[in-house]
Amino acid sequence: MDEDTTQIGSPVTLAELKLLGEFVRWQDIGSRVAKLIAAKRLPNGYPLVASRLPTSGIIDLCVDERWRQVEFVRMAGSRFRGDRRVVYLDEGTEKTAPNNWYGVAPSGHYTEREYSRPETLAGAELLVLSKLVPEGHIIGSQVVVEENWPYITFEVRSFDPKAYSKAYEDNWPKLYTVHGADPRVKVEGIVPREPWFNTTIAVSHRWLRPDHPDPDRAQYCELMAPCEILKLHDNQVFLIDYCSLPQEPRKPDEASWFRDHLPGFQAQFKYVTIMLNTGSADYSTRAWCMLELMLAAMNLSSHPAILNQDRLNEPLRDAKQLAERYLETSNMNLNQMSKVFGTGISTTAAFAKWARNPMNVALYNASLDGRRTILEKFQGELAVTDPNDRPLIVSLLKRLAFKESDA
């Protein structure tokens, strides 16, 4: 599992949620899941994401452009360095394969599922956003050269649109073999699905009661709806604060664990999120909710940050737009300024030259004013259930949204 996502709280799987039938308090969920495991009611686990599922140690892995079931050993490398790899056993020998979003799946997801061959493969094509061609390239031409269902091989010629010569297009011919159900390929009659099981999905929602977020299961039922629409795998993992983090009252060791995991838990809203409409009328006055919306607006993933965005009700859409405006104001020209300072404005003389331009100073001050406004909003105006939460929220806002220290 990724080194930057190991302290994110306790993920809960879709299979567990279905059998539990409700959101269960963190302190109680372990014993209830243990009973499900003992009764063998849960599927085998998916070991690339931490969960309480029993694990078989077997995963589907795309090796040499073909899917195989292999025995998973561990993850190696770092996502930040771009060298994350899956370590697996091949006839007793450890081997590695790239940890590709589209190349790792729960056991049986590709190798055991039946995919009926369409009557014709006419029109089959790799999508422009396939992430197979070199980064920044555009697919110029492609043709199916081999079919061994469910695998299709394309001959693709791609080019860099920034290249000086159009002849550059002929320099990048390559064969790509993909599975017919791969989301990066369009095949008539096959409905591809994104492999969301390769990430956690954070759930943003309003607590409907101070002691329980969902006493009548309304939010639980609402969450199940997009799971069905998206056809999420039963081993999909979610982060739900009530289920994933120790709740009050906390024992000393639970309080320590909570403090260690809370920043990582909140950071996951920057990647993939489902937002629940139930009780959202006052999202924009709830500090925790607005923090999650702001982080979702900062989307660090190449995938959509909010999976059910088309199903958000009006209050939640308004709150999301408010969070986006906060960020837009706060980050005004921040990226441009980072480029300026990042290219050597570090000496006294260089800084003095930069500061002599009134526009540079004005833009810098506007950025600081934007951040100050947001912090004041969170500190003084947003109503939260417990006023003691405000310093913690502001601390997380500085660290996760503004990348500042608390000092």
Protein backbone atom coordinates (compact mmCIF):
# COMPACT_ATOMS: atom_id res chain seq x y z
CA MET A 1 0.00 0.00 0.00
CA ASP A 2 1.19 3.56 -0.63
CA GLU A 3 3.44 4.98 2.04
CA ASP A 4 1.48 8.25 2.08
CA THR A 5 -1.82 6.46 2.71
CA THR A 6 -0.92 4.10 5.53
CA GLN A 7 -2.18 6.39 8.31
CA ILE A 8 -5.61 7.25 7.02
CA GLY A 9 -7.85 5.59 9.59
CA SER A 10 -9.55 2.21 9.17
CA PRO A 11 -11.06 1.70 5.71
CA VAL A 12 -14.38 -0.12 5.61
CA THR A 13 -15.25 -2.22 2.57
CA LEU A 14 -18.47 -2.28 0.58
CA ALA A 15 -18.89 -5.95 1.47
CA GLU A 16 -18.67 -5.09 5.16
CA LEU A 17 -21.11 -2.20 4.83
CA LYS A 18 -23.64 -4.36 3.01
CA LEU A 19 -23.58 -6.98 5.77
CA LEU A 20 -23.46 -4.48 8.64
CA GLY A 21 -26.45 -2.64 7.19
CA GLU A 22 -25.52 0.70 8.79
CA PHE A 23 -22.67 3.00 9.75
CA VAL A 24 -21.05 1.43 12.82
CA ARG A 25 -19.00 3.27 15.43
CA TRP A 26 -15.24 2.68 15.10
CA GLN A 27 -14.97 1.17 18.56
CA ASP A 28 -17.65 -1.42 17.70
CA ILE A 29 -16.95 -2.26 14.09
CA GLY A 30 -13.96 -4.55 14.73
CA SER A 31 -15.90 -7.06 16.80
CA ARG A 32 -18.84 -7.07 14.41
CA VAL A 33 -16.62 -7.64 11.38
CA ALA A 34 -14.77 -10.38 13.27
CA LYS A 35 -18.06 -12.26 13.55
CA LEU A 36 -18.59 -11.92 9.79
CA ILE A 37 -15.09 -13.25 9.15
CA ALA A 38 -15.64 -16.17 11.54
CA ALA A 39 -18.89 -17.00 9.75
CA LYS A 40 -17.03 -16.79 6.38
CA ARG A 41 -19.54 -14.29 5.07
CA LEU A 42 -16.96 -11.92 3.57
CA PRO A 43 -15.13 -12.32 0.25
CA ASN A 44 -11.37 -12.67 0.10
CA GLY A 45 -9.53 -9.44 0.65
CA TYR A 46 -7.74 -7.13 -1.75
CA PRO A 47 -4.32 -6.69 -0.12
CA LEU A 48 -3.26 -3.50 -1.89
CA VAL A 49 -5.54 -1.47 0.38
CA ALA A 50 -5.62 -2.01 4.13
CA SER A 51 -8.89 -3.52 5.32
CA ARG A 52 -10.24 -6.09 7.72
CA LEU A 53 -11.20 -8.53 4.97
CA PRO A 54 -9.68 -12.02 5.14
CA THR A 55 -6.98 -12.16 2.50
CA SER A 56 -6.15 -14.92 0.06
CA GLY A 57 -2.95 -13.20 -1.06
CA ILE A 58 -4.01 -13.71 -4.69
CA ILE A 59 -4.61 -10.76 -7.01
CA ASP A 60 -5.11 -10.19 -10.71
CA LEU A 61 -2.06 -8.54 -12.25
CA CYS A 62 -1.40 -7.47 -15.83
CA VAL A 63 2.01 -8.97 -16.63
CA ASP A 64 3.50 -8.67 -20.12
CA GLU A 65 0.18 -7.29 -21.40
CA ARG A 66 -1.83 -10.28 -20.14
CA TRP A 67 -3.86 -10.72 -16.96
CA ARG A 68 -2.72 -13.42 -14.57
CA GLN A 69 -3.60 -14.49 -11.04
CA VAL A 70 -0.48 -14.14 -8.92
CA GLU A 71 0.46 -14.37 -5.26
CA PHE A 72 0.87 -10.85 -3.92
CA VAL A 73 3.87 -10.27 -1.61
CA ARG A 74 4.17 -6.53 -0.92
CA MET A 75 4.41 -3.07 -2.43
CA ALA A 76 7.80 -1.51 -3.17
CA GLY A 77 8.98 1.98 -4.10
CA SER A 78 7.18 5.29 -3.67
CA ARG A 79 4.28 6.92 -5.45
CA PHE A 80 6.04 10.27 -5.07
CA ARG A 81 9.15 8.99 -6.85
CA GLY A 82 7.01 7.34 -9.50
CA ASP A 83 8.50 3.87 -8.93
CA ARG A 84 5.65 2.10 -7.09
CA ARG A 85 5.74 -1.60 -7.96
CA VAL A 86 3.85 -4.74 -7.07
CA VAL A 87 6.05 -7.55 -5.78
CA TYR A 88 4.62 -10.99 -6.57
CA LEU A 89 5.71 -14.63 -6.67
CA ASP A 90 6.26 -16.40 -9.98
CA GLU A 91 7.06 -20.11 -9.46
CA GLY A 92 8.57 -19.28 -6.08
CA THR A 93 10.66 -16.34 -7.34
CA GLU A 94 9.91 -12.74 -6.41
CA LYS A 95 9.25 -10.51 -9.41
CA THR A 96 7.89 -6.99 -9.79
CA ALA A 97 5.42 -5.20 -12.05
CA PRO A 98 4.45 -1.50 -12.22
CA ASN A 99 1.64 -0.54 -9.85
CA ASN A 100 -0.57 0.75 -12.65
CA TRP A 101 -4.11 1.98 -11.92
CA TYR A 102 -5.38 -0.16 -14.80
CA GLY A 103 -3.05 -3.10 -14.24
CA VAL A 104 -3.95 -4.38 -10.77
CA ALA A 105 -7.29 -5.84 -9.70
CA PRO A 106 -8.89 -8.06 -7.06
CA SER A 107 -8.53 -11.76 -7.70
CA GLY A 108 -10.84 -12.93 -10.46
CA HIS A 109 -11.92 -9.47 -11.59
CA TYR A 110 -10.42 -9.95 -15.05
CA THR A 111 -9.16 -13.53 -15.07
CA GLU A 112 -12.40 -15.28 -14.10
CA ARG A 113 -15.15 -13.01 -15.40
CA GLU A 114 -16.88 -13.92 -18.64
CA TYR A 115 -16.87 -11.27 -21.33
CA SER A 116 -18.90 -12.22 -24.39
CA ARG A 117 -17.17 -11.30 -27.61
CA PRO A 118 -19.10 -8.63 -29.54
CA GLU A 119 -20.37 -9.59 -32.98
CA THR A 120 -17.87 -7.22 -34.51
CA LEU A 121 -14.81 -5.32 -33.37
CA ALA A 122 -15.29 -2.69 -36.05
CA GLY A 123 -14.81 0.72 -34.51
CA ALA A 124 -12.78 -0.58 -31.55
CA GLU A 125 -10.22 2.03 -30.57
CA LEU A 126 -7.90 3.18 -27.84
CA LEU A 127 -9.15 6.37 -26.24
CA VAL A 128 -7.09 9.53 -26.53
CA LEU A 129 -6.83 9.66 -22.74
CA SER A 130 -5.62 6.07 -22.69
CA LYS A 131 -2.45 6.83 -20.65
CA LEU A 132 -0.71 4.21 -22.78
CA VAL A 133 0.96 6.48 -25.31
CA PRO A 134 3.87 8.66 -24.12
CA GLU A 135 2.80 11.52 -21.89
CA GLY A 136 1.69 14.56 -23.86
CA HIS A 137 1.29 12.61 -27.09
CA ILE A 138 -1.77 12.59 -29.33
CA ILE A 139 -2.88 9.44 -31.15
CA GLY A 140 -2.49 10.13 -34.85
CA SER A 141 -3.66 6.81 -36.25
CA GLN A 142 -4.52 3.36 -34.97
CA VAL A 143 -5.68 0.03 -36.34
CA VAL A 144 -6.57 -3.36 -34.84
CA VAL A 145 -3.85 -5.78 -35.94
CA GLU A 146 -4.67 -8.83 -33.80
CA GLU A 147 -7.57 -10.14 -31.76
CA ASN A 148 -7.36 -12.93 -29.23
CA TRP A 149 -10.52 -12.22 -27.26
CA PRO A 150 -10.72 -10.80 -24.65
CA TYR A 151 -7.44 -9.17 -25.75
CA ILE A 152 -7.09 -6.76 -28.65
CA THR A 153 -3.82 -5.50 -30.11
CA PHE A 154 -3.67 -2.06 -31.71
CA GLU A 155 -0.92 -0.57 -33.82
CA VAL A 156 -0.80 3.07 -32.81
CA ARG A 157 1.14 6.00 -34.16
CA SER A 158 1.32 8.93 -31.76
CA PHE A 159 3.04 12.29 -31.91
CA ASP A 160 3.98 15.18 -29.69
CA PRO A 161 1.88 18.21 -30.75
CA LYS A 162 4.67 20.48 -29.50
CA ALA A 163 7.18 18.95 -31.91
CA TYR A 164 8.52 21.25 -34.60
CA SER A 165 8.03 18.78 -37.44
CA LYS A 166 4.91 16.81 -38.34
CA ALA A 167 7.28 14.03 -39.42
CA TYR A 168 7.79 13.41 -35.69
CA GLU A 169 4.52 11.44 -35.81
CA ASP A 170 6.22 8.57 -37.62
CA ASN A 171 8.78 8.18 -34.85
CA TRP A 172 6.35 6.68 -32.32
CA PRO A 173 4.75 3.54 -33.75
CA LYS A 174 3.91 0.96 -31.10
CA LEU A 175 1.77 -2.11 -30.48
CA TYR A 176 -0.59 -1.99 -27.50
CA THR A 177 -2.41 -5.07 -26.23
CA VAL A 178 -5.39 -4.36 -23.95
CA HIS A 179 -8.18 -6.33 -22.33
CA GLY A 180 -11.59 -5.81 -23.93
CA ALA A 181 -13.04 -4.54 -20.63
CA ASP A 182 -10.17 -2.11 -20.04
CA PRO A 183 -11.57 1.43 -19.54
CA ARG A 184 -8.86 2.73 -21.85
CA VAL A 185 -10.37 1.00 -24.88
CA LYS A 186 -13.73 1.54 -26.58
CA VAL A 187 -15.40 -1.65 -27.78
CA GLU A 188 -19.01 -1.64 -28.96
CA GLY A 189 -21.14 -3.75 -26.61
CA ILE A 190 -18.66 -3.72 -23.70
CA VAL A 191 -19.30 -1.36 -20.77
CA PRO A 192 -15.94 -0.59 -19.14
CA ARG A 193 -15.71 0.48 -15.52
CA GLU A 194 -13.00 2.49 -13.84
CA PRO A 195 -11.02 0.42 -11.29
CA TRP A 196 -12.01 2.48 -8.28
CA PHE A 197 -10.93 -0.46 -6.10
CA ASN A 198 -7.37 0.86 -6.52
CA THR A 199 -8.09 3.79 -4.24
CA THR A 200 -10.04 4.67 -1.13
CA ILE A 201 -13.27 6.65 -1.57
CA ALA A 202 -13.78 9.29 1.12
CA VAL A 203 -17.39 9.95 2.13
CA SER A 204 -18.33 13.54 2.99
CA HIS A 205 -21.58 13.96 4.90
CA ARG A 206 -23.33 16.04 7.53
CA TRP A 207 -23.73 14.51 10.98
CA LEU A 208 -27.49 14.37 11.58
CA ARG A 209 -27.15 14.08 15.35
CA PRO A 210 -24.25 14.99 17.67
CA ASP A 211 -23.86 11.40 18.88
CA HIS A 212 -24.57 9.62 15.57
CA PRO A 213 -24.25 10.81 11.97
CA ASP A 214 -27.00 8.60 10.56
CA PRO A 215 -29.42 7.34 13.23
CA ASP A 216 -32.15 6.38 10.72
CA ARG A 217 -29.83 4.86 8.03
CA ALA A 218 -30.86 7.53 5.51
CA GLN A 219 -27.26 8.34 4.57
CA TYR A 220 -26.31 4.67 4.51
CA CYS A 221 -29.05 4.00 1.95
CA GLU A 222 -28.02 7.05 -0.05
CA LEU A 223 -24.42 5.78 -0.20
CA MET A 224 -25.55 2.40 -1.49
CA ALA A 225 -27.21 4.04 -4.52
CA PRO A 226 -24.02 5.35 -6.26
CA CYS A 227 -22.27 2.10 -5.34
CA GLU A 228 -24.88 0.27 -7.41
CA ILE A 229 -24.81 2.81 -10.24
CA LEU A 230 -21.01 2.68 -10.46
CA LYS A 231 -21.03 -1.14 -10.06
CA LEU A 232 -18.36 -0.87 -7.39
CA HIS A 233 -16.54 -4.05 -6.45
CA ASP A 234 -17.45 -5.57 -3.07
CA ASN A 235 -13.84 -5.11 -1.98
CA GLN A 236 -14.02 -1.35 -2.66
CA VAL A 237 -12.88 0.52 0.46
CA PHE A 238 -14.39 3.68 1.92
CA LEU A 239 -13.33 6.16 4.57
CA ILE A 240 -16.29 7.21 6.73
CA ASP A 241 -15.34 9.16 9.84
CA TYR A 242 -17.75 7.36 12.18
CA CYS A 243 -16.50 3.97 11.01
CA SER A 244 -12.87 4.84 10.28
CA LEU A 245 -11.73 6.98 13.22
CA PRO A 246 -12.07 6.52 17.02
CA GLN A 247 -15.13 8.36 18.32
CA GLU A 248 -15.66 10.23 21.58
CA PRO A 249 -15.26 9.24 24.32
CA ARG A 250 -11.77 8.01 23.40
CA LYS A 251 -9.32 6.10 25.57
CA PRO A 252 -5.78 7.59 25.70
CA ASP A 253 -4.41 5.15 23.10
CA GLU A 254 -7.43 5.81 20.87
CA ALA A 255 -6.92 9.57 21.18
CA SER A 256 -3.28 9.18 20.14
CA TRP A 257 -4.22 6.97 17.19
CA PHE A 258 -6.89 9.52 16.18
CA ARG A 259 -4.37 12.38 16.16
CA ASP A 260 -1.91 10.37 14.07
CA HIS A 261 -4.47 9.31 11.47
CA LEU A 262 -6.71 12.38 11.17
CA PRO A 263 -4.48 14.40 8.75
CA GLY A 264 -4.11 11.42 6.40
CA PHE A 265 -7.84 10.70 6.63
CA GLN A 266 -8.75 14.27 5.70
CA ALA A 267 -6.16 14.37 2.90
CA GLN A 268 -8.01 11.58 1.09
CA PHE A 269 -10.76 14.04 0.19
CA LYS A 270 -8.28 15.47 -2.34
CA TYR A 271 -8.52 12.28 -4.40
CA VAL A 272 -11.87 10.47 -4.74
CA THR A 273 -15.00 11.46 -2.82
CA ILE A 274 -18.70 10.68 -2.60
CA MET A 275 -20.82 13.44 -1.07
CA LEU A 276 -24.14 12.66 0.59
CA ASN A 277 -27.10 15.03 0.15
CA THR A 278 -29.04 13.97 3.24
CA GLY A 279 -28.92 16.79 5.78
CA SER A 280 -26.82 19.04 3.52
CA ALA A 281 -28.96 22.18 3.84
CA ASP A 282 -26.36 23.79 6.12
CA TYR A 283 -23.14 22.34 4.67
CA SER A 284 -21.80 25.86 4.12
CA THR A 285 -22.03 26.60 7.86
CA ARG A 286 -20.33 23.40 9.00
CA ALA A 287 -16.57 23.69 9.31
CA TRP A 288 -15.73 20.01 8.84
CA CYS A 289 -17.96 19.76 5.78
CA MET A 290 -16.48 22.88 4.18
CA LEU A 291 -12.95 21.65 4.85
CA GLU A 292 -13.78 18.43 3.00
CA LEU A 293 -15.33 20.38 0.12
CA MET A 294 -12.26 22.60 -0.17
CA LEU A 295 -9.96 19.59 -0.23
CA ALA A 296 -12.14 17.91 -2.88
CA ALA A 297 -11.91 21.11 -4.95
CA MET A 298 -8.10 20.74 -4.85
CA ASN A 299 -8.35 17.38 -6.66
CA LEU A 300 -4.85 15.84 -6.88
CA SER A 301 -6.01 12.88 -8.93
CA SER A 302 -6.37 12.54 -12.69
CA HIS A 303 -9.80 11.07 -11.96
CA PRO A 304 -12.95 13.00 -11.00
CA ALA A 305 -12.75 14.15 -7.40
CA ILE A 306 -16.48 13.78 -6.71
CA LEU A 307 -17.93 10.59 -8.17
CA ASN A 308 -21.58 11.56 -7.73
CA GLN A 309 -21.27 15.21 -8.72
CA ASP A 310 -24.26 15.00 -11.09
CA ARG A 311 -26.45 13.90 -8.18
CA LEU A 312 -25.67 16.72 -5.74
CA ASN A 313 -28.67 18.71 -4.57
CA GLU A 314 -28.82 22.51 -4.70
CA PRO A 315 -27.55 23.24 -1.15
CA LEU A 316 -24.57 20.96 -1.68
CA ARG A 317 -23.82 22.43 -5.11
CA ASP A 318 -23.91 25.92 -3.58
CA ALA A 319 -21.59 24.87 -0.76
CA LYS A 320 -19.18 23.28 -3.26
CA GLN A 321 -19.11 26.49 -5.32
CA LEU A 322 -18.45 28.48 -2.15
CA ALA A 323 -15.48 26.24 -1.32
CA GLU A 324 -14.14 26.61 -4.86
CA ARG A 325 -14.42 30.41 -4.66
CA TYR A 326 -12.54 30.37 -1.35
CA LEU A 327 -9.73 28.45 -3.00
CA GLU A 328 -9.73 30.62 -6.09
CA THR A 329 -9.37 33.74 -3.95
CA SER A 330 -6.78 32.18 -1.68
CA ASN A 331 -4.62 30.78 -4.46
CA MET A 332 -4.82 33.80 -6.74
CA ASN A 333 -1.51 33.92 -8.58
CA LEU A 334 0.01 31.55 -6.01
CA ASN A 335 1.11 29.11 -8.71
CA GLN A 336 2.64 31.90 -10.76
CA MET A 337 4.44 33.24 -7.71
CA SER A 338 5.79 29.79 -6.93
CA LYS A 339 7.23 29.66 -10.43
CA VAL A 340 8.87 33.05 -9.96
CA PHE A 341 10.40 32.21 -6.60
CA GLY A 342 11.24 28.71 -7.74
CA THR A 343 13.43 30.02 -10.54
CA GLY A 344 15.92 31.84 -8.40
CA ILE A 345 14.29 34.85 -6.71
CA SER A 346 16.12 33.92 -3.56
CA THR A 347 18.94 36.44 -3.42
CA THR A 348 18.47 39.86 -1.87
CA ALA A 349 19.13 41.62 -5.18
CA ALA A 350 16.71 39.40 -7.11
CA PHE A 351 13.99 39.84 -4.51
CA ALA A 352 14.48 43.62 -4.53
CA LYS A 353 14.07 43.64 -8.30
CA TRP A 354 10.89 41.56 -8.02
CA ALA A 355 9.50 43.78 -5.24
CA ARG A 356 10.04 46.98 -7.24
CA ASN A 357 7.14 45.93 -9.48
CA PRO A 358 3.98 47.15 -7.66
CA MET A 359 1.88 44.52 -9.46
CA ASN A 360 3.96 41.69 -8.01
CA VAL A 361 3.54 43.03 -4.49
CA ALA A 362 -0.19 43.64 -4.99
CA LEU A 363 -0.76 40.11 -6.22
CA TYR A 364 1.24 38.67 -3.34
CA ASN A 365 -0.75 40.67 -0.80
CA ALA A 366 -4.02 39.65 -2.45
CA SER A 367 -3.04 36.02 -2.05
CA LEU A 368 -2.24 36.52 1.64
CA ASP A 369 -5.49 38.45 2.17
CA GLY A 370 -7.44 35.63 0.56
CA ARG A 371 -5.95 33.07 2.90
CA ARG A 372 -6.48 35.32 5.91
CA THR A 373 -10.14 35.75 5.00
CA ILE A 374 -10.69 32.02 4.77
CA LEU A 375 -8.95 31.36 8.08
CA GLU A 376 -11.00 34.04 9.81
CA LYS A 377 -14.14 32.53 8.30
CA PHE A 378 -13.30 29.12 9.68
CA GLN A 379 -12.20 30.46 13.06
CA GLY A 380 -14.99 32.88 13.78
CA GLU A 381 -18.01 32.42 11.59
CA LEU A 382 -18.58 28.77 10.73
CA ALA A 383 -20.74 27.04 13.31
CA VAL A 384 -19.44 23.69 14.50
CA THR A 385 -20.93 21.24 16.93
CA ASP A 386 -18.01 21.64 19.31
CA PRO A 387 -16.18 25.02 19.39
CA ASN A 388 -13.10 23.13 20.60
CA ASP A 389 -12.83 21.65 17.10
CA ARG A 390 -12.04 25.04 15.55
CA PRO A 391 -8.27 25.09 16.26
CA LEU A 392 -7.99 21.53 14.89
CA ILE A 393 -9.91 22.43 11.72
CA VAL A 394 -7.80 25.54 11.14
CA SER A 395 -4.64 23.49 11.69
CA LEU A 396 -5.75 20.95 9.08
CA LEU A 397 -6.78 23.73 6.70
CA LYS A 398 -3.32 25.28 6.92
CA ARG A 399 -1.51 21.96 6.52
CA LEU A 400 -3.64 20.33 3.83
CA ALA A 401 -5.07 23.20 1.81
CA PHE A 402 -2.47 25.95 2.25
CA LYS A 403 0.57 23.78 2.99
CA GLU A 404 1.52 26.02 5.89
CA SER A 405 2.72 25.21 9.37
CA ASP A 406 0.57 26.04 12.37
CA ALA A 407 3.05 28.63 13.58
